Amino acid sequence: MDLLPMAHSGPRKKRPRQTGTSMASTSHDIKFQDLVLFILEKKMGTTRRAFLMELARRKGFRVDNELSDSVTHIVAENNSGSDVLEWLQVQKIRASSQLELLDVSWLIECMRAGKPVEMTGKHQLVVKRDYLASPNPGPQKTLPLAAQKISPYACQRRTTLNNCNHMFTDAFEILAENYEFRENEDSYLAFKRAASVLKSLPFTIISMRDTEGIPCLGDNVKCVIEEIIEDGESSEVKNVLNDERYQSFKLFTSVFGVGLKTSERWFRMGFRTLSTIRSDKSLKFTRMQKAGFLYYEDLVSCVTRAEAEAVSVLVKEAVWAFLPDALVTMTGGFRSQGLLLYHDLVESTFEKLKLPSRNVDALDHFQKCFLILKLDHQRVDSDKSNQQEGKTWKAIRVDLVMCPYECRAFALLGWTGSPQFERDLRRYATHERKMRLDNHALYDKTKRIFLKAESEEEIFAHLGLDYIEPWERNA
């Protein structure tokens, strides 16, 4: 059946939490129910830790013997925030975003006052910025763990391939893809943004408390998170994966040259497999689709780093100048060597008077050439080049973009990074800086001028953003 996943009306009702063995002693009344303390023994010693735990319990504080997801405050002595996080890693525990890391001086002041006192900078243990962020974070700064602000814009978050929340982001990607197939843009963007922000987190979400203060997590998204935490999977995702329409669209769109309209038509005609589509004599395919079917297995396989580098060398050998005629010359040269399996030249629609675009998701207007190249395995300096038995080459897709030199930095930025990173970069320019950005230019609406840039770094500077390296744009 063709079932559209039902949207949740709000967060699910929480299940009763089971009492663990790490609860504080029940011999003392707990006065402050919102605080759950854990005192770190590292650099403190067993005797002093036991003394402080008993004294704090007498004052009405709940102190757990063991660290659990119920703990809200970790108290340490002679440790930095980074020391505590390293200890947590050894214990194979990831710090919650809401977890307070505090010096023992805070607890001593609390016991003197007979109640929790305000946490100030002198109490909070600091964590080096480069401990939480990705490599090359810039100037060294120290910030309390709980003070790490998460931006709603991907262009203000460093996102590497080190994803701590795969179990959630994988689910979000499936749901987003399903909504894209159904052309439900609002729900599609909601789950894409949620996946993006969770990919940037330096910790794993283990409870709903960890989601507090994280942007881009609406009610529907939180329902999915809560269900995965409690059940280990999402029923909505399970329904989507079993949905015949989703399965068919995912299969059809994996073919080079096949989009949503073609997928919709094939699905309505009753097709469910690529083999039946290929063999149907009544269907007419475009040149791109014919190439997509012909080289399907190669084009859907991952391109290794070694293969990418070999293709780069191949292209550089053929392109001698950044001129329109170079495409024609290159095409001819590739044909003579039998290396060009497919090409499609898209002429430029570049008009300076219409730039930059008002559409934050607009494609650029540069001249482009979509290619499929024949890469001989001998050109790949690797034994892991996905060689198929009896086949000495692999078909590789390559997109060439030609732009005026003054647009090069903008085009480079527009083609480097995930779609969500690029989308948020344009949204940030529009909503936060009163500017319009696309792959061609940056326009300051306040000053009514185009801002020039010769590098990506200069564009980030115009926008008032810290520079994000290409490998940190996996949003």
Protein backbone atom coordinates (compact mmCIF):
# COMPACT_ATOMS: atom_id res chain seq x y z
CA MET A 1 0.00 0.00 0.00
CA ASP A 2 1.02 3.62 -0.59
CA LEU A 3 1.01 4.96 2.95
CA LEU A 4 1.99 8.48 3.91
CA PRO A 5 3.63 8.47 7.37
CA MET A 6 1.39 10.22 9.87
CA ALA A 7 2.84 13.32 11.51
CA HIS A 8 3.07 13.26 15.29
CA SER A 9 1.04 15.83 17.18
CA GLY A 10 3.60 16.19 19.94
CA PRO A 11 6.19 14.42 22.10
CA ARG A 12 5.33 10.93 23.24
CA LYS A 13 4.32 10.28 26.80
CA LYS A 14 7.38 9.33 28.78
CA ARG A 15 7.71 5.91 30.29
CA PRO A 16 8.39 5.54 34.00
CA ARG A 17 12.13 5.56 34.68
CA GLN A 18 13.38 2.49 36.50
CA THR A 19 15.37 3.03 39.64
CA GLY A 20 18.98 1.96 39.24
CA THR A 21 21.54 0.77 41.75
CA SER A 22 23.41 4.07 41.58
CA MET A 23 20.84 5.98 43.63
CA ALA A 24 22.04 7.90 46.61
CA SER A 25 21.62 6.49 50.09
CA THR A 26 18.06 6.75 51.34
CA SER A 27 19.16 7.35 54.96
CA HIS A 28 19.03 11.13 54.37
CA ASP A 29 16.15 13.22 53.09
CA ILE A 30 16.74 14.72 49.65
CA LYS A 31 15.83 18.42 49.67
CA PHE A 32 17.00 19.40 46.19
CA GLN A 33 15.32 17.05 43.73
CA ASP A 34 16.58 18.81 40.59
CA LEU A 35 20.24 18.15 41.35
CA VAL A 36 21.97 14.79 41.05
CA LEU A 37 25.64 14.95 41.96
CA PHE A 38 28.53 12.63 41.18
CA ILE A 39 31.88 13.25 42.87
CA LEU A 40 34.89 12.16 40.83
CA GLU A 41 37.47 10.17 42.76
CA LYS A 42 40.31 10.98 40.32
CA LYS A 43 42.99 13.12 42.06
CA MET A 44 40.77 13.31 45.17
CA GLY A 45 41.22 9.94 46.80
CA THR A 46 38.75 7.41 48.15
CA THR A 47 38.65 8.70 51.74
CA ARG A 48 38.06 12.36 50.90
CA ARG A 49 35.45 11.42 48.30
CA ALA A 50 33.53 9.29 50.82
CA PHE A 51 33.66 12.11 53.39
CA LEU A 52 32.32 14.72 50.93
CA MET A 53 29.58 12.37 49.69
CA GLU A 54 28.31 11.72 53.22
CA LEU A 55 28.50 15.40 54.19
CA ALA A 56 26.60 16.48 51.06
CA ARG A 57 23.88 13.89 51.72
CA ARG A 58 23.44 15.17 55.24
CA LYS A 59 22.84 18.62 53.79
CA GLY A 60 20.02 17.28 51.62
CA PHE A 61 21.86 16.77 48.32
CA ARG A 62 21.40 13.65 46.23
CA VAL A 63 24.80 12.12 45.50
CA ASP A 64 24.99 9.00 43.34
CA ASN A 65 27.64 6.37 43.95
CA GLU A 66 28.02 5.69 40.23
CA LEU A 67 27.79 7.83 37.12
CA SER A 68 24.52 7.48 35.22
CA ASP A 69 22.41 9.51 32.80
CA SER A 70 20.53 10.87 35.84
CA VAL A 71 23.58 12.85 36.96
CA THR A 72 23.33 16.60 36.37
CA HIS A 73 26.55 17.80 38.03
CA ILE A 74 30.01 16.23 38.13
CA VAL A 75 32.19 17.60 40.94
CA ALA A 76 35.97 17.22 40.66
CA GLU A 77 39.09 18.39 42.47
CA ASN A 78 42.37 19.38 40.79
CA ASN A 79 40.94 18.44 37.37
CA SER A 80 40.20 20.56 34.29
CA GLY A 81 37.11 20.10 32.18
CA SER A 82 39.24 18.36 29.57
CA ASP A 83 40.58 15.97 32.24
CA VAL A 84 37.03 15.04 33.21
CA LEU A 85 36.00 14.47 29.59
CA GLU A 86 39.05 12.27 29.01
CA TRP A 87 38.08 10.24 32.08
CA LEU A 88 34.55 9.90 30.70
CA GLN A 89 35.94 8.66 27.39
CA VAL A 90 37.99 5.99 29.17
CA GLN A 91 34.79 4.91 30.91
CA LYS A 92 33.14 4.85 27.43
CA ILE A 93 30.64 7.50 28.52
CA ARG A 94 29.87 10.58 26.40
CA ALA A 95 29.18 13.85 28.16
CA SER A 96 25.69 15.29 27.86
CA SER A 97 25.41 18.85 26.56
CA GLN A 98 23.53 19.78 29.77
CA LEU A 99 26.05 18.21 32.16
CA GLU A 100 27.71 20.70 34.51
CA LEU A 101 31.41 20.17 35.26
CA LEU A 102 32.21 21.89 38.55
CA ASP A 103 35.12 22.39 40.89
CA VAL A 104 34.77 21.01 44.42
CA SER A 105 34.79 24.62 45.70
CA TRP A 106 31.19 24.95 44.46
CA LEU A 107 30.06 21.97 46.53
CA ILE A 108 31.85 23.26 49.64
CA GLU A 109 30.11 26.64 49.27
CA CYS A 110 26.78 24.84 48.83
CA MET A 111 27.25 22.88 52.03
CA ARG A 112 28.20 26.02 53.94
CA ALA A 113 25.05 27.76 52.69
CA GLY A 114 22.92 24.66 53.25
CA LYS A 115 21.53 24.98 49.73
CA PRO A 116 22.73 25.13 46.10
CA VAL A 117 24.60 28.35 45.35
CA GLU A 118 24.87 30.12 42.02
CA MET A 119 27.42 28.64 39.63
CA THR A 120 29.91 31.25 38.44
CA GLY A 121 32.93 31.16 36.18
CA LYS A 122 35.26 30.35 39.06
CA HIS A 123 33.29 27.16 39.76
CA GLN A 124 32.93 25.85 36.22
CA LEU A 125 35.64 23.61 34.83
CA VAL A 126 36.75 24.69 31.40
CA VAL A 127 37.14 22.60 28.27
CA LYS A 128 39.55 23.53 25.51
CA ARG A 129 37.72 24.54 22.39
CA ASP A 130 39.79 22.20 20.23
CA TYR A 131 38.75 19.31 22.48
CA LEU A 132 35.10 19.78 21.49
CA ALA A 133 35.57 20.98 17.92
CA SER A 134 37.28 19.51 14.91
CA PRO A 135 40.96 19.99 13.96
CA ASN A 136 42.38 23.47 13.38
CA PRO A 137 39.81 25.31 15.51
CA GLY A 138 41.66 28.62 15.39
CA PRO A 139 42.82 30.57 18.46
CA GLN A 140 42.78 28.60 21.71
CA LYS A 141 39.84 29.46 23.93
CA THR A 142 38.38 27.85 27.02
CA LEU A 143 34.66 27.67 27.57
CA PRO A 144 32.50 25.90 30.16
CA LEU A 145 30.98 22.76 28.65
CA ALA A 146 27.43 23.92 29.39
CA ALA A 147 28.18 27.28 27.73
CA GLN A 148 28.85 25.80 24.31
CA LYS A 149 26.22 27.53 22.14
CA ILE A 150 24.93 25.66 19.11
CA SER A 151 24.07 27.81 16.11
CA PRO A 152 20.93 27.11 14.06
CA TYR A 153 23.06 27.74 10.94
CA ALA A 154 25.30 24.99 9.56
CA CYS A 155 27.75 27.65 8.35
CA GLN A 156 28.53 28.44 12.00
CA ARG A 157 29.11 24.82 12.98
CA ARG A 158 32.16 22.69 12.21
CA THR A 159 30.92 19.33 10.95
CA THR A 160 33.42 16.62 10.10
CA LEU A 161 32.69 13.00 9.17
CA ASN A 162 33.04 12.09 12.87
CA ASN A 163 29.32 11.67 13.56
CA CYS A 164 28.47 10.69 17.16
CA ASN A 165 24.74 10.36 16.48
CA HIS A 166 24.42 8.00 13.50
CA MET A 167 21.45 6.18 15.00
CA PHE A 168 19.43 9.41 14.86
CA THR A 169 20.82 11.08 11.73
CA ASP A 170 20.45 7.92 9.64
CA ALA A 171 16.77 7.85 10.60
CA PHE A 172 16.35 11.55 9.80
CA GLU A 173 17.97 11.10 6.38
CA ILE A 174 15.52 8.32 5.49
CA LEU A 175 12.52 10.39 6.59
CA ALA A 176 13.83 13.48 4.77
CA GLU A 177 14.35 11.46 1.58
CA ASN A 178 10.81 10.09 1.80
CA TYR A 179 9.37 13.60 2.20
CA GLU A 180 11.48 14.76 -0.75
CA PHE A 181 10.00 11.98 -2.88
CA ARG A 182 6.54 13.18 -1.85
CA GLU A 183 7.53 16.81 -2.54
CA ASN A 184 6.75 17.85 1.04
CA GLU A 185 9.41 20.55 1.31
CA ASP A 186 8.64 21.71 4.87
CA SER A 187 9.01 18.25 6.42
CA TYR A 188 11.98 17.50 4.17
CA LEU A 189 13.84 20.59 5.40
CA ALA A 190 12.87 19.96 9.03
CA PHE A 191 14.55 16.55 9.09
CA LYS A 192 17.53 17.68 6.98
CA ARG A 193 18.22 20.52 9.43
CA ALA A 194 17.83 18.20 12.39
CA ALA A 195 20.26 15.70 10.86
CA SER A 196 22.68 18.51 10.13
CA VAL A 197 22.78 19.88 13.67
CA LEU A 198 23.12 16.43 15.27
CA LYS A 199 26.05 15.58 12.99
CA SER A 200 27.94 18.56 14.41
CA LEU A 201 27.54 17.59 18.08
CA PRO A 202 30.72 16.46 19.90
CA PHE A 203 28.68 14.14 22.14
CA THR A 204 26.14 11.35 21.76
CA ILE A 205 22.53 12.01 22.73
CA ILE A 206 21.56 9.42 25.32
CA SER A 207 18.46 11.00 26.88
CA MET A 208 15.87 13.63 25.96
CA ARG A 209 17.54 15.97 28.43
CA ASP A 210 20.48 16.10 26.04
CA THR A 211 18.28 17.72 23.38
CA GLU A 212 17.49 20.78 25.50
CA GLY A 213 18.84 23.96 23.92
CA ILE A 214 19.66 22.27 20.60
CA PRO A 215 18.15 24.23 17.68
CA CYS A 216 16.21 22.79 14.72
CA LEU A 217 14.56 20.02 16.74
CA GLY A 218 10.80 20.35 16.33
CA ASP A 219 8.14 18.17 17.95
CA ASN A 220 8.11 15.61 15.12
CA VAL A 221 11.89 15.31 15.27
CA LYS A 222 11.91 14.92 19.06
CA CYS A 223 9.27 12.19 18.82
CA VAL A 224 11.61 10.20 16.58
CA ILE A 225 14.57 10.79 18.93
CA GLU A 226 12.56 9.73 21.98
CA GLU A 227 11.32 6.57 20.30
CA ILE A 228 14.84 5.58 19.22
CA ILE A 229 16.17 6.19 22.75
CA GLU A 230 13.41 4.07 24.31
CA ASP A 231 12.91 1.35 21.67
CA GLY A 232 16.14 1.38 19.71
CA GLU A 233 14.30 2.17 16.46
CA SER A 234 11.67 4.45 14.96
CA SER A 235 8.33 2.97 13.89
CA GLU A 236 7.96 5.79 11.35
CA VAL A 237 11.29 4.92 9.74
CA LYS A 238 10.36 1.24 9.76
CA ASN A 239 7.13 2.05 7.92
CA VAL A 240 8.98 4.12 5.34
CA LEU A 241 11.55 1.38 4.66
CA ASN A 242 8.70 -1.06 4.06
CA ASP A 243 6.80 1.38 1.84
CA GLU A 244 6.73 0.20 -1.80
CA ARG A 245 6.61 3.74 -3.15
CA TYR A 246 9.71 4.81 -1.18
CA GLN A 247 11.62 1.70 -2.24
CA SER A 248 10.73 2.26 -5.90
CA PHE A 249 11.59 5.98 -5.91
CA LYS A 250 14.92 5.33 -4.19
CA LEU A 251 15.78 2.70 -6.79
CA PHE A 252 14.64 4.73 -9.80
CA THR A 253 16.40 7.97 -8.77
CA SER A 254 19.67 6.08 -8.33
CA VAL A 255 19.86 5.98 -12.15
CA PHE A 256 21.82 8.86 -13.68
CA GLY A 257 19.31 11.17 -15.40
CA VAL A 258 16.17 9.98 -13.56
CA GLY A 259 14.33 12.50 -11.39
CA LEU A 260 11.09 12.60 -9.40
CA LYS A 261 8.76 13.13 -12.38
CA THR A 262 10.14 10.13 -14.27
CA SER A 263 10.07 8.03 -11.09
CA GLU A 264 6.44 8.99 -10.49
CA ARG A 265 5.50 8.02 -14.06
CA TRP A 266 7.28 4.65 -13.89
CA PHE A 267 5.74 3.88 -10.50
CA ARG A 268 2.23 4.67 -11.74
CA MET A 269 2.87 2.45 -14.76
CA GLY A 270 3.47 -0.44 -12.36
CA PHE A 271 7.26 -0.77 -12.65
CA ARG A 272 9.13 -1.85 -9.51
CA THR A 273 12.52 -3.08 -10.79
CA LEU A 274 15.17 -1.67 -13.12
CA SER A 275 15.33 -4.89 -15.13
CA THR A 276 11.66 -4.62 -16.18
CA ILE A 277 12.16 -0.96 -17.11
CA ARG A 278 15.22 -1.76 -19.21
CA SER A 279 13.44 -4.53 -21.07
CA ASP A 280 10.23 -2.60 -21.81
CA LYS A 281 10.29 -1.64 -25.50
CA SER A 282 7.56 1.00 -25.12
CA LEU A 283 9.70 3.28 -22.94
CA LYS A 284 11.85 6.04 -24.44
CA PHE A 285 14.99 7.05 -22.58
CA THR A 286 17.02 10.27 -22.77
CA ARG A 287 20.72 10.12 -23.64
CA MET A 288 21.53 10.68 -19.99
CA GLN A 289 19.25 7.87 -18.84
CA LYS A 290 20.66 5.47 -21.45
CA ALA A 291 24.14 6.18 -20.08
CA GLY A 292 22.81 5.81 -16.55
CA PHE A 293 21.51 2.30 -17.27
CA LEU A 294 24.56 1.30 -19.32
CA TYR A 295 27.08 2.19 -16.58
CA TYR A 296 24.73 1.76 -13.61
CA GLU A 297 26.87 -0.53 -11.43
CA ASP A 298 29.91 1.76 -11.70
CA LEU A 299 28.01 5.00 -11.16
CA VAL A 300 26.23 3.85 -7.96
CA SER A 301 29.45 2.56 -6.38
CA CYS A 302 31.59 4.77 -4.18
CA VAL A 303 34.51 6.61 -5.75
CA THR A 304 37.70 5.98 -3.80
CA ARG A 305 40.21 8.71 -3.06
CA ALA A 306 42.72 7.05 -5.38
CA GLU A 307 40.15 6.97 -8.21
CA ALA A 308 39.26 10.63 -7.63
CA GLU A 309 42.91 11.65 -7.81
CA ALA A 310 43.44 9.61 -10.98
CA VAL A 311 40.41 11.26 -12.64
CA SER A 312 41.72 14.68 -11.59
CA VAL A 313 44.99 13.99 -13.38
CA LEU A 314 43.07 12.74 -16.41
CA VAL A 315 41.03 15.94 -16.64
CA LYS A 316 44.06 18.20 -16.14
CA GLU A 317 45.80 16.45 -19.02
CA ALA A 318 42.91 17.39 -21.31
CA VAL A 319 42.04 20.94 -20.14
CA TRP A 320 44.61 23.53 -21.22
CA ALA A 321 42.76 26.75 -20.56
CA PHE A 322 39.59 28.01 -18.89
CA LEU A 323 37.89 28.86 -22.19
CA PRO A 324 34.60 27.62 -23.70
CA ASP A 325 36.50 26.10 -26.63
CA ALA A 326 38.48 23.99 -24.19
CA LEU A 327 35.42 21.82 -23.62
CA VAL A 328 35.18 21.06 -27.32
CA THR A 329 38.90 20.38 -27.63
CA MET A 330 38.84 18.19 -24.53
CA THR A 331 35.85 16.25 -25.80
CA GLY A 332 37.59 15.54 -29.09
CA GLY A 333 40.77 14.48 -27.37
CA PHE A 334 38.92 12.15 -25.04
CA ARG A 335 37.02 10.62 -27.95
CA SER A 336 40.24 9.78 -29.76
CA GLN A 337 41.48 7.95 -26.69
CA GLY A 338 38.14 6.25 -26.08
CA LEU A 339 37.96 7.78 -22.62
CA LEU A 340 34.77 9.81 -23.03
CA LEU A 341 31.74 7.58 -22.46
CA TYR A 342 29.16 10.37 -22.20
CA HIS A 343 29.02 14.16 -22.26
CA ASP A 344 26.32 16.79 -22.02
CA LEU A 345 27.18 20.47 -22.46
CA VAL A 346 24.88 22.98 -20.73
CA GLU A 347 25.31 26.48 -22.09
CA SER A 348 25.70 29.46 -19.78
CA THR A 349 22.70 31.56 -18.79
CA PHE A 350 24.93 33.98 -16.89
CA GLU A 351 23.53 37.54 -16.77
CA LYS A 352 25.16 40.01 -14.39
CA LEU A 353 22.06 42.20 -14.22
CA LYS A 354 20.04 39.35 -12.67
CA LEU A 355 22.57 38.52 -9.95
CA PRO A 356 22.68 37.53 -7.21
CA SER A 357 19.61 35.31 -7.10
CA ARG A 358 16.84 35.91 -4.59
CA ASN A 359 16.35 32.14 -4.29
CA VAL A 360 18.55 30.68 -1.54
CA ASP A 361 18.51 27.27 -3.27
CA ALA A 362 19.18 28.57 -6.79
CA LEU A 363 21.62 26.69 -9.02
CA ASP A 364 24.28 28.71 -10.76
CA HIS A 365 24.10 29.92 -14.35
CA PHE A 366 27.61 28.92 -15.43
CA GLN A 367 28.48 26.78 -18.41
CA LYS A 368 28.68 23.15 -17.29
CA CYS A 369 29.67 19.86 -18.84
CA PHE A 370 28.41 16.60 -17.32
CA LEU A 371 30.74 13.73 -18.20
CA ILE A 372 31.18 10.03 -17.71
CA LEU A 373 34.84 9.11 -18.13
CA LYS A 374 36.44 5.74 -18.64
CA LEU A 375 39.09 5.27 -15.96
CA ASP A 376 41.55 2.44 -16.58
CA HIS A 377 42.44 0.57 -13.40
CA GLN A 378 46.11 0.91 -14.33
CA ARG A 379 45.82 4.66 -13.70
CA VAL A 380 44.74 4.04 -10.10
CA ASP A 381 47.65 3.58 -7.74
CA SER A 382 45.71 1.34 -5.38
CA ASP A 383 44.75 -2.30 -5.01
CA LYS A 384 41.35 -1.23 -3.65
CA SER A 385 39.96 0.37 -6.80
CA ASN A 386 36.75 -1.70 -6.84
CA GLN A 387 37.91 -3.71 -9.84
CA GLN A 388 35.30 -5.99 -11.28
CA GLU A 389 36.42 -9.43 -12.40
CA GLY A 390 37.38 -9.40 -16.08
CA LYS A 391 36.93 -5.63 -16.38
CA THR A 392 39.91 -3.29 -16.72
CA TRP A 393 38.14 0.06 -16.27
CA LYS A 394 35.47 1.90 -14.32
CA ALA A 395 32.96 4.56 -15.39
CA ILE A 396 33.32 7.74 -13.29
CA ARG A 397 31.01 10.77 -13.28
CA VAL A 398 32.68 14.17 -13.53
CA ASP A 399 30.98 17.59 -13.54
CA LEU A 400 32.97 20.49 -15.02
CA VAL A 401 31.97 24.07 -14.24
CA MET A 402 33.32 27.09 -16.12
CA CYS A 403 32.93 30.56 -14.67
CA PRO A 404 34.37 34.07 -15.09
CA TYR A 405 37.52 34.51 -13.06
CA GLU A 406 35.96 37.19 -10.82
CA CYS A 407 33.29 34.65 -9.80
CA ARG A 408 35.74 31.84 -9.06
CA ALA A 409 35.72 32.19 -5.24
CA PHE A 410 31.91 32.24 -5.13
CA ALA A 411 31.61 29.25 -7.46
CA LEU A 412 34.20 27.32 -5.45
CA LEU A 413 32.33 28.01 -2.22
CA GLY A 414 29.01 27.08 -3.81
CA TRP A 415 30.32 23.71 -4.99
CA THR A 416 32.20 22.81 -1.79
CA GLY A 417 30.12 21.50 1.08
CA SER A 418 26.90 19.62 1.68
CA PRO A 419 23.60 20.99 0.27
CA GLN A 420 22.47 21.87 3.80
CA PHE A 421 25.68 23.80 4.48
CA GLU A 422 25.21 25.78 1.26
CA ARG A 423 21.52 26.37 2.00
CA ASP A 424 22.27 27.68 5.50
CA LEU A 425 25.10 29.86 4.22
CA ARG A 426 22.66 31.64 1.91
CA ARG A 427 19.98 31.83 4.62
CA TYR A 428 22.50 33.34 7.04
CA ALA A 429 23.53 35.97 4.50
CA THR A 430 19.90 36.90 3.86
CA HIS A 431 18.49 36.88 7.38
CA GLU A 432 21.47 37.86 9.53
CA ARG A 433 23.57 40.13 7.31
CA LYS A 434 21.02 41.66 4.90
CA MET A 435 23.04 40.30 1.98
CA ARG A 436 22.33 38.02 -0.97
CA LEU A 437 24.78 35.25 -1.76
CA ASP A 438 24.89 32.75 -4.60
CA ASN A 439 27.53 31.00 -6.70
CA HIS A 440 28.18 34.20 -8.66
CA ALA A 441 28.37 37.10 -6.22
CA LEU A 442 27.68 38.61 -2.80
CA TYR A 443 25.44 41.69 -2.72
CA ASP A 444 25.16 44.00 0.30
CA LYS A 445 21.54 45.24 0.29
CA THR A 446 22.29 47.92 2.90
CA LYS A 447 25.21 49.49 1.01
CA ARG A 448 23.74 48.53 -2.37
CA ILE A 449 27.06 47.25 -3.68
CA PHE A 450 28.59 43.95 -4.80
CA LEU A 451 31.39 42.79 -2.50
CA LYS A 452 34.47 41.45 -4.26
CA ALA A 453 36.33 38.36 -3.08
CA GLU A 454 39.28 36.44 -4.45
CA SER A 455 39.04 33.54 -1.98
CA GLU A 456 36.53 31.66 0.14
CA GLU A 457 38.13 33.16 3.24
CA GLU A 458 37.26 36.67 2.03
CA ILE A 459 33.60 35.69 1.52
CA PHE A 460 33.40 34.35 5.08
CA ALA A 461 35.00 37.59 6.31
CA HIS A 462 32.41 39.70 4.44
CA LEU A 463 29.69 37.69 6.18
CA GLY A 464 31.33 38.08 9.59
CA LEU A 465 31.80 34.31 9.90
CA ASP A 466 34.73 32.25 11.15
CA TYR A 467 36.24 30.39 8.20
CA ILE A 468 35.07 26.78 7.91
CA GLU A 469 37.50 24.42 6.20
CA PRO A 470 36.13 22.26 3.34
CA TRP A 471 36.39 19.05 5.42
CA GLU A 472 34.32 20.74 8.14
CA ARG A 473 31.32 21.36 5.87
CA ASN A 474 29.78 17.87 6.06
CA ALA A 475 26.52 19.25 7.44
